[in-house]
Protein backbone atom coordinates (compact mmCIF):
# COMPACT_ATOMS: atom_id res chain seq x y z
CA MET A 1 -32.90 -39.48 40.96
CA HIS A 2 -31.08 -38.32 37.84
CA GLY A 3 -31.75 -40.61 34.86
CA LEU A 4 -34.88 -42.22 36.32
CA PHE A 5 -37.69 -40.19 34.74
CA LYS A 6 -39.15 -41.53 31.49
CA ALA A 7 -42.31 -41.23 29.40
CA ILE A 8 -44.42 -42.86 26.72
CA THR A 9 -46.84 -40.81 24.65
CA ILE A 10 -49.47 -41.11 21.96
CA SER A 11 -50.89 -37.84 20.63
CA HIS A 12 -52.60 -36.06 17.75
CA LYS A 13 -49.19 -35.74 16.07
CA LYS A 14 -49.10 -39.43 15.11
CA ALA A 15 -52.52 -40.93 15.88
CA SER A 16 -55.95 -40.17 14.48
CA LEU A 17 -58.88 -39.35 16.73
CA PRO A 18 -60.36 -42.91 16.49
CA VAL A 19 -57.00 -44.42 17.50
CA ARG A 20 -56.60 -41.96 20.39
CA GLY A 21 -60.15 -42.72 21.44
CA GLN A 22 -59.38 -46.43 21.72
CA ILE A 23 -56.44 -45.78 24.03
CA ALA A 24 -57.85 -42.88 26.09
CA LEU A 25 -58.13 -43.63 29.82
CA ASN A 26 -60.77 -42.28 32.16
CA GLU A 27 -60.03 -41.71 35.85
CA GLU A 28 -60.86 -45.26 36.92
CA GLU A 29 -58.81 -46.79 34.10
CA ALA A 30 -55.84 -44.47 34.73
CA LYS A 31 -55.75 -45.38 38.41
CA ALA A 32 -56.05 -49.08 37.60
CA LEU A 33 -53.13 -48.79 35.16
CA MET A 34 -50.94 -47.03 37.74
CA LEU A 35 -51.63 -49.74 40.31
CA LYS A 36 -50.91 -52.45 37.73
CA ILE A 37 -47.57 -50.81 36.86
CA ARG A 38 -46.63 -50.68 40.55
CA GLU A 39 -47.67 -54.29 41.10
CA THR A 40 -45.91 -55.62 38.00
CA TYR A 41 -42.70 -53.57 37.93
CA ASP A 42 -42.27 -52.22 41.48
CA VAL A 43 -42.44 -48.60 40.25
CA SER A 44 -43.32 -46.13 43.00
CA GLU A 45 -44.03 -42.94 40.99
CA VAL A 46 -46.33 -42.80 37.95
CA LEU A 47 -48.36 -40.04 36.29
CA VAL A 48 -51.06 -40.78 33.70
CA LEU A 49 -52.26 -37.88 31.55
CA SER A 50 -55.13 -38.71 29.19
CA THR A 51 -57.07 -36.13 27.15
CA CYS A 52 -58.83 -36.15 23.78
CA ASN A 53 -55.50 -35.28 22.14
CA ARG A 54 -53.01 -37.41 24.07
CA THR A 55 -52.48 -40.31 26.45
CA GLU A 56 -49.14 -40.25 28.26
CA ILE A 57 -47.54 -42.22 31.07
CA TYR A 58 -44.63 -40.72 33.00
CA TYR A 59 -42.74 -42.91 35.47
CA CYS A 60 -39.57 -43.19 37.56
CA SER A 61 -37.52 -46.34 37.03
CA GLU A 62 -33.96 -47.45 36.41
CA SER A 63 -35.33 -49.74 33.69
CA ASP A 64 -36.85 -48.69 30.38
CA LEU A 65 -40.41 -50.00 30.72
CA GLY A 66 -41.94 -48.19 27.72
CA GLU A 67 -42.85 -51.24 25.64
CA ASN A 68 -44.00 -53.15 28.72
CA ILE A 69 -46.37 -50.35 29.72
CA ILE A 70 -47.77 -50.16 26.18
CA ARG A 71 -48.54 -53.87 26.46
CA LEU A 72 -50.32 -53.25 29.77
CA ILE A 73 -52.43 -50.55 28.13
CA ALA A 74 -53.24 -52.87 25.22
CA SER A 75 -54.26 -55.61 27.64
CA GLN A 76 -56.42 -53.23 29.67
CA LYS A 77 -58.16 -51.86 26.55
CA ILE A 78 -58.31 -55.30 24.84
CA LEU A 79 -56.19 -54.18 21.88
CA ASN A 80 -53.41 -55.78 19.86
CA SER A 81 -50.20 -54.25 21.23
CA SER A 82 -48.31 -54.74 17.94
CA GLU A 83 -50.94 -52.64 16.15
CA ILE A 84 -50.71 -49.68 18.53
CA PHE A 85 -46.92 -49.66 19.05
CA PRO A 86 -46.26 -47.51 15.94
CA PHE A 87 -48.41 -44.69 17.29
CA PHE A 88 -46.38 -44.31 20.52
CA ASP A 89 -43.21 -42.37 21.20
CA ILE A 90 -40.94 -43.55 24.01
CA ILE A 91 -38.78 -41.01 25.86
CA SER A 92 -36.11 -42.79 27.89
CA ASN A 93 -33.81 -39.84 28.57
CA HIS A 94 -34.46 -38.20 31.95
CA ASN A 95 -33.83 -34.61 30.85
CA GLU A 96 -35.88 -35.01 27.68
CA ALA A 97 -38.81 -36.47 29.62
CA VAL A 98 -38.75 -33.63 32.16
CA LYS A 99 -38.60 -30.98 29.43
CA TYR A 100 -41.36 -32.70 27.46
CA LEU A 101 -43.75 -32.74 30.44
CA PHE A 102 -43.05 -29.04 31.05
CA GLU A 103 -43.83 -28.23 27.41
CA VAL A 104 -46.97 -30.39 27.35
CA ALA A 105 -48.27 -28.79 30.55
CA MET A 106 -47.71 -25.29 29.14
CA GLY A 107 -49.61 -26.15 25.94
CA LEU A 108 -46.66 -26.05 23.54
CA HIS A 109 -47.58 -29.47 22.12
CA SER A 110 -51.34 -28.91 21.99
CA GLN A 111 -53.35 -28.78 18.77
CA VAL A 112 -54.16 -25.20 19.74
CA VAL A 113 -50.90 -23.71 21.02
CA GLY A 114 -51.29 -22.50 24.59
CA ASP A 115 -54.40 -24.63 25.17
CA LEU A 116 -56.18 -23.21 28.22
CA GLN A 117 -57.44 -26.63 29.34
CA ILE A 118 -54.16 -28.53 29.59
CA PRO A 119 -52.95 -27.06 32.93
CA ASN A 120 -56.14 -28.29 34.65
CA GLN A 121 -55.86 -31.65 32.90
CA VAL A 122 -52.33 -32.04 34.28
CA LYS A 123 -53.62 -31.11 37.75
CA HIS A 124 -56.27 -33.82 37.48
CA ALA A 125 -53.63 -36.35 36.44
CA TYR A 126 -51.52 -35.34 39.45
CA GLN A 127 -54.54 -35.76 41.75
CA TRP A 128 -55.20 -39.24 40.36
CA ALA A 129 -51.58 -40.22 41.05
CA ALA A 130 -51.80 -38.82 44.58
CA ASP A 131 -55.09 -40.67 45.19
CA VAL A 132 -53.41 -44.04 44.62
CA GLN A 133 -50.14 -43.06 46.36
CA MET A 134 -48.18 -43.02 43.09
CA ALA A 135 -46.90 -39.45 43.46
CA GLY A 136 -43.68 -39.47 45.49
CA PRO A 137 -41.13 -36.73 46.28
CA PHE A 138 -39.94 -36.44 42.68
CA LEU A 139 -43.39 -36.00 41.11
CA HIS A 140 -44.56 -33.72 43.91
CA ARG A 141 -41.65 -31.36 43.34
CA LEU A 142 -41.83 -31.62 39.54
CA LEU A 143 -45.57 -30.93 39.29
CA HIS A 144 -45.51 -28.02 41.73
CA THR A 145 -42.62 -26.52 39.78
CA ILE A 146 -44.70 -26.89 36.61
CA PHE A 147 -47.74 -25.22 38.20
CA PHE A 148 -45.59 -22.33 39.42
CA THR A 149 -44.04 -21.99 35.95
CA ASN A 150 -47.50 -21.84 34.36
CA LYS A 151 -48.49 -18.99 36.69
CA LYS A 152 -45.30 -17.15 35.79
CA ILE A 153 -46.02 -17.54 32.08
CA VAL A 154 -49.56 -16.21 32.58
CA GLN A 155 -48.25 -13.20 34.50
CA GLU A 156 -45.21 -12.36 32.38
CA THR A 157 -46.15 -13.28 28.78
CA SER A 158 -49.07 -13.05 26.34
CA PHE A 159 -48.98 -16.81 25.80
CA ARG A 160 -52.31 -17.38 27.56
CA ASP A 161 -53.99 -14.22 26.27
CA GLY A 162 -57.14 -14.47 24.19
CA ALA A 163 -58.94 -17.47 22.75
CA ALA A 164 -56.87 -19.22 20.09
CA SER A 165 -59.36 -21.96 19.17
CA THR A 166 -62.68 -21.53 17.40
CA SER A 167 -64.62 -22.92 20.34
CA TYR A 168 -62.91 -20.68 22.91
CA ALA A 169 -63.18 -17.66 20.61
CA THR A 170 -66.90 -18.39 20.23
CA VAL A 171 -67.44 -18.44 23.98
CA GLU A 172 -65.25 -15.36 24.37
CA VAL A 173 -67.47 -13.47 21.91
CA MET A 174 -70.54 -14.71 23.77
CA GLU A 175 -69.09 -13.42 27.03
CA THR A 176 -68.93 -9.88 25.65
CA PHE A 177 -72.72 -9.60 25.66
CA LEU A 178 -73.56 -11.85 28.64
CA PRO A 179 -73.61 -8.85 31.03
CA LEU A 180 -76.56 -7.53 29.01
CA LEU A 181 -78.62 -10.68 29.65
CA HIS A 182 -80.00 -12.30 32.79
CA ASN A 183 -79.48 -16.08 32.87
CA PRO A 184 -79.99 -16.36 29.09
CA LYS A 185 -81.13 -19.53 27.37
CA ILE A 186 -78.32 -20.83 25.17
CA LEU A 187 -79.05 -23.14 22.23
CA VAL A 188 -76.35 -25.06 20.36
CA VAL A 189 -77.54 -26.37 17.00
CA GLY A 190 -75.42 -29.10 15.39
CA LEU A 191 -72.87 -31.31 17.12
CA GLY A 192 -70.10 -31.74 14.59
CA GLU A 193 -66.52 -31.29 15.76
CA ILE A 194 -66.86 -27.52 16.30
CA GLY A 195 -70.31 -27.77 17.89
CA GLU A 196 -69.15 -30.44 20.34
CA ASP A 197 -66.02 -28.41 21.17
CA VAL A 198 -68.19 -25.37 21.92
CA CYS A 199 -70.38 -27.47 24.23
CA ARG A 200 -67.36 -28.78 26.12
CA THR A 201 -65.94 -25.28 26.44
CA LEU A 202 -69.24 -24.00 27.82
CA ALA A 203 -69.29 -26.88 30.31
CA ASP A 204 -65.67 -26.29 31.33
CA LYS A 205 -66.50 -22.66 32.05
CA GLY A 206 -69.49 -23.67 34.16
CA TYR A 207 -72.31 -22.22 32.06
CA LYS A 208 -75.86 -23.48 32.71
CA ASN A 209 -79.25 -23.23 31.02
CA ILE A 210 -77.88 -24.80 27.83
CA THR A 211 -79.90 -26.85 25.34
CA ILE A 212 -78.40 -28.81 22.47
CA THR A 213 -80.07 -30.18 19.37
CA ASN A 214 -78.77 -32.36 16.57
CA ARG A 215 -80.16 -34.27 13.61
CA THR A 216 -78.95 -37.49 15.26
CA LEU A 217 -80.80 -37.50 18.58
CA GLU A 218 -78.63 -40.27 20.06
CA LYS A 219 -75.48 -38.16 19.75
CA ALA A 220 -77.21 -35.19 21.41
CA GLU A 221 -78.48 -37.32 24.27
CA LYS A 222 -75.06 -38.88 24.90
CA LEU A 223 -73.32 -35.48 25.06
CA ALA A 224 -76.13 -33.94 27.12
CA ASN A 225 -75.89 -36.72 29.71
CA GLU A 226 -72.13 -36.24 29.93
CA LEU A 227 -72.29 -32.43 30.30
CA ASN A 228 -75.62 -32.16 32.14
CA PHE A 229 -77.28 -30.15 29.33
CA GLU A 230 -80.85 -30.27 28.06
CA VAL A 231 -81.79 -31.90 24.73
CA ALA A 232 -84.31 -30.58 22.23
CA ASP A 233 -85.84 -32.50 19.34
CA TYR A 234 -84.37 -31.29 16.05
CA GLU A 235 -87.83 -31.39 14.50
CA SER A 236 -88.71 -28.45 16.74
CA VAL A 237 -85.53 -26.51 15.98
CA ASN A 238 -87.35 -23.36 14.78
CA GLN A 239 -89.29 -23.02 18.02
CA ASN A 240 -86.13 -23.67 20.05
CA ILE A 241 -84.36 -20.92 18.12
CA LEU A 242 -87.19 -18.50 18.95
CA ASP A 243 -87.02 -19.40 22.66
CA ALA A 244 -83.25 -18.88 23.08
CA GLU A 245 -81.50 -15.56 23.64
CA ILE A 246 -78.23 -16.96 22.30
CA VAL A 247 -78.04 -19.39 19.38
CA ILE A 248 -74.77 -21.02 18.29
CA SER A 249 -75.20 -22.86 15.01
CA SER A 250 -72.70 -25.27 13.46
CA VAL A 251 -75.10 -27.47 11.53
CA ARG A 252 -74.19 -28.72 8.04
CA CYS A 253 -76.68 -27.46 5.46
CA GLU A 254 -76.82 -26.32 1.84
CA GLU A 255 -79.10 -23.38 2.63
CA PRO A 256 -79.38 -21.28 5.82
CA ILE A 257 -81.73 -22.81 8.39
CA ILE A 258 -82.08 -19.52 10.29
CA THR A 259 -83.55 -16.77 8.14
CA LYS A 260 -85.59 -13.62 8.60
CA ALA A 261 -88.68 -15.78 8.24
CA THR A 262 -87.47 -18.02 11.10
CA LEU A 263 -87.42 -15.05 13.44
CA GLU A 264 -90.41 -13.11 12.18
CA ASN A 265 -92.44 -14.14 15.26
CA LYS A 266 -89.68 -13.54 17.79
CA THR A 267 -90.79 -12.09 21.12
CA LEU A 268 -87.39 -11.46 22.68
CA ALA A 269 -86.20 -7.86 22.51
CA ILE A 270 -82.67 -8.92 21.60
CA LYS A 271 -81.19 -12.11 20.23
CA TYR A 272 -77.56 -13.05 19.56
CA LEU A 273 -76.66 -15.48 16.78
CA ILE A 274 -73.25 -17.06 16.12
CA ASP A 275 -72.78 -18.95 12.85
CA LEU A 276 -69.94 -21.50 12.80
CA SER A 277 -71.16 -23.35 9.71
CA VAL A 278 -69.69 -23.69 6.24
CA PRO A 279 -71.78 -23.02 4.15
CA ASN A 280 -73.53 -20.52 6.40
CA SER A 281 -76.51 -21.78 8.39
CA ILE A 282 -77.66 -18.25 9.26
CA ALA A 283 -78.81 -15.91 6.51
CA ALA A 284 -76.47 -12.99 5.79
CA ASN A 285 -79.30 -10.43 6.02
CA ILE A 286 -80.53 -11.59 9.42
CA GLU A 287 -79.32 -8.41 11.13
CA GLU A 288 -81.89 -6.42 9.16
CA LEU A 289 -84.30 -7.55 11.87
CA ALA A 290 -84.50 -5.25 14.88
CA GLY A 291 -82.75 -6.56 17.96
CA VAL A 292 -80.75 -9.28 16.14
CA VAL A 293 -76.94 -9.35 16.40
CA ALA A 294 -75.07 -11.95 14.34
CA TYR A 295 -71.46 -13.14 14.09
CA ASN A 296 -70.10 -15.39 11.36
CA LEU A 297 -67.22 -17.90 11.30
CA ASP A 298 -64.82 -15.45 9.67
CA GLU A 299 -65.26 -12.98 12.54
CA ILE A 300 -64.75 -15.73 15.13
CA GLN A 301 -61.68 -17.17 13.43
CA LEU A 302 -60.12 -13.73 12.97
CA ARG A 303 -60.34 -13.31 16.71
CA ALA A 304 -58.81 -16.76 17.25
CA ASN A 305 -56.04 -16.15 14.70
CA GLU A 306 -55.05 -12.87 16.34
CA ALA A 307 -54.82 -14.61 19.72
CA LEU A 308 -52.85 -17.47 18.19
CA GLN A 309 -50.39 -15.03 16.62
CA ARG A 310 -49.79 -13.37 19.98
CA ARG A 311 -49.15 -16.78 21.51
CA MET A 312 -46.72 -17.79 18.78
CA GLU A 313 -44.78 -14.58 19.27
CA ALA A 314 -44.54 -15.32 23.02
CA ILE A 315 -43.06 -18.83 22.55
CA PRO A 316 -39.35 -17.77 22.83
CA GLN A 317 -40.12 -16.05 26.15
CA VAL A 318 -42.06 -19.12 27.33
CA LEU A 319 -39.14 -21.42 26.46
CA ASP A 320 -36.75 -19.19 28.43
CA ILE A 321 -39.00 -19.37 31.49
CA ILE A 322 -39.26 -23.16 31.14
CA ASP A 323 -35.47 -23.50 30.84
CA ASP A 324 -34.98 -21.47 34.04
CA ALA A 325 -37.55 -23.59 35.88
CA ILE A 326 -35.97 -26.83 34.67
CA GLY A 327 -32.55 -25.59 35.78
CA GLU A 328 -33.85 -24.95 39.31
CA PHE A 329 -35.66 -28.29 39.35
CA ASN A 330 -32.56 -30.16 38.18
CA ASN A 331 -30.53 -28.56 40.99
CA TRP A 332 -33.07 -29.93 43.46
CA SER A 333 -33.20 -33.40 41.86
CA GLN A 334 -29.41 -33.61 41.83
CA GLU A 335 -29.31 -32.68 45.51
CA MET A 336 -31.65 -35.61 46.18
CA ILE A 337 -28.74 -37.87 45.19
CA VAL A 338 -26.67 -36.66 48.15
CA SER A 339 -29.57 -36.42 50.61
CA PRO A 340 -29.07 -40.00 51.96
CA THR A 341 -25.35 -39.33 52.45
CA ILE A 342 -26.10 -36.10 54.31
CA GLN A 343 -28.54 -37.93 56.58
CA LYS A 344 -26.03 -40.71 57.22
CA LEU A 345 -23.29 -38.21 58.01
CA LYS A 346 -25.57 -36.38 60.43
CA GLY A 347 -26.46 -39.70 62.01
CA ALA A 348 -22.79 -40.71 62.37
CA LEU A 349 -21.82 -37.44 64.02
CA GLU A 350 -24.88 -37.48 66.26
CA GLN A 351 -23.98 -41.00 67.40
CA ILE A 352 -20.46 -39.84 68.30
CA ARG A 353 -21.90 -36.88 70.21
CA LYS A 354 -24.33 -39.05 72.18
CA GLU A 355 -21.65 -41.61 73.05
CA GLU A 356 -19.30 -38.90 74.34
CA MET A 357 -22.10 -37.23 76.25
CA ALA A 358 -22.96 -40.54 77.91
CA ARG A 359 -19.38 -40.84 79.24
CA PHE A 360 -19.59 -37.61 81.23
CA VAL A 361 -23.28 -36.92 81.88
CA LYS A 362 -23.29 -38.89 85.16
CA GLU A 363 -20.73 -36.50 86.59
CA LEU A 364 -22.81 -33.43 85.68
CA SER A 365 -25.78 -31.78 87.29
CA THR A 366 -29.04 -31.58 85.36
CA GLU A 367 -28.37 -27.94 84.49
CA GLU A 368 -24.81 -28.72 83.39
CA ALA A 369 -25.98 -31.67 81.29
CA GLU A 370 -28.53 -29.48 79.49
CA LYS A 371 -25.87 -26.87 78.74
CA MET A 372 -23.48 -29.55 77.50
CA ASP A 373 -26.18 -30.98 75.25
CA LYS A 374 -26.87 -27.57 73.68
CA ILE A 375 -23.16 -26.79 73.21
CA THR A 376 -22.31 -30.12 71.57
CA ALA A 377 -25.44 -30.04 69.37
CA SER A 378 -24.46 -26.57 68.19
CA MET A 379 -20.94 -27.78 67.46
CA MET A 380 -22.26 -30.67 65.38
CA GLN A 381 -24.41 -28.28 63.33
CA LYS A 382 -21.37 -26.15 62.53
CA ILE A 383 -19.20 -29.17 61.74
CA ILE A 384 -21.78 -30.63 59.33
CA LYS A 385 -22.43 -27.33 57.55
CA LEU A 386 -19.33 -27.26 55.34
CA PRO A 387 -19.56 -30.89 54.10
CA VAL A 388 -23.23 -30.30 53.20
CA ILE A 389 -22.36 -27.14 51.25
CA GLN A 390 -19.54 -28.96 49.48
CA LEU A 391 -21.81 -31.91 48.60
CA LYS A 392 -24.43 -29.63 47.08
CA ALA A 393 -21.79 -27.74 45.14
CA ALA A 394 -20.35 -31.04 43.90
CA CYS A 395 -23.81 -31.94 42.57
CA LYS A 396 -23.84 -28.90 40.34
CA ARG A 397 -20.34 -29.76 39.08
CA GLY A 398 -21.33 -33.38 38.47
CA GLU A 399 -18.75 -34.56 41.03
CA ALA A 400 -21.04 -35.72 43.84
CA GLU A 401 -20.16 -39.41 43.60
CA THR A 402 -16.47 -38.77 44.34
CA LEU A 403 -17.21 -36.76 47.47
CA ILE A 404 -19.82 -39.31 48.59
CA ASP A 405 -17.19 -42.05 48.35
CA VAL A 406 -14.73 -40.01 50.42
CA LEU A 407 -17.29 -39.35 53.17
CA ASN A 408 -18.36 -42.99 53.16
CA ASP A 409 -14.73 -44.07 53.74
CA LEU A 410 -13.97 -41.42 56.36
CA PHE A 411 -17.04 -42.05 58.51
CA ASN A 412 -17.89 -45.65 57.53
CA LEU A 413 -21.33 -44.40 56.45
CA GLU A 414 -22.36 -47.64 54.74
CA LYS A 415 -23.18 -48.99 58.20
CA GLN A 416 -25.45 -46.04 58.88
CA THR A 417 -29.19 -46.23 58.24
CA VAL A 418 -31.10 -43.16 57.11
């Protein structure tokens, strides 16, 4: 298996959001691509990871199929392959591809370091591969090792602590006062980049009773349909603000749209406001009103920056944990090289045992034959033990091929079938 694992990737590091959007694959498209790769190139293991920040294809093959797979993507998305080639990176080295997937899955290559969403996105990609029978022994072991490593990082480091993005920090602040409210109405005003990110974070966390409003109604309706939120007409924004217990505003405006006058007729005992706009969309003196609690962008970003700093400080520890996990995984993948030889050797010795048993079993009673079978089976297990240990040790020394050749010659294993 060593040397087979490869990857192609397009991400926020080289491609703009519009370019990434053109290439992004939904579940149906990802599965179709995996099946097309198998049909065209006889590849048995493929993983497709596609998020808003990256689209990556990992595969096992003796051949370097990077450019061919990019052409398949271009064909599927009806794009000119020569125009999208420059945005891709191709990783043909097995060890580099394994390490890269580990680092991506941990969030080391995310726009927000330690991204909390990426582990689940990798799990979804793994499920898609399993659904179309494109996850074989190598990917199964690799992905489960990655999931275990992520848990270890969560338990042993501060890399996943706190919310390091504005959207997550916003929701984290909101969660501090949720226990004080019963099924509160949440209103998101403005669906720019931050506003949309907040909506997606709320949806990811499973929050309900959310209404969104935006100057462009079509954009609000499209996002609401995707996330199963309600839509309010922007013309009625003042009334919607009065009706909601929690208002998150990221609307672009020259003057605040939420002022003391906006809330002068409020009936709710307490109202929480979060302003993510620049310039501010919520008046600075709004907290002079009784029962109004407000947070501005500086307060949210300070929280995010502190979390990000903790994550950055944890990176050396994270890399050490990843290196240990990769070392253990590589030991397993190297042992896969000798697994067929081990099976053939066991088969050869078992055949000898059965042939010798057959010569004498007619002269034995049933009880004697059973004892003989147990004794000879036990002997075979002890005989095979040392060669297996030596083969596995040879893997770690990089000398497995020599020992495999010796065993093949001694026992004529090439005639054996696994």
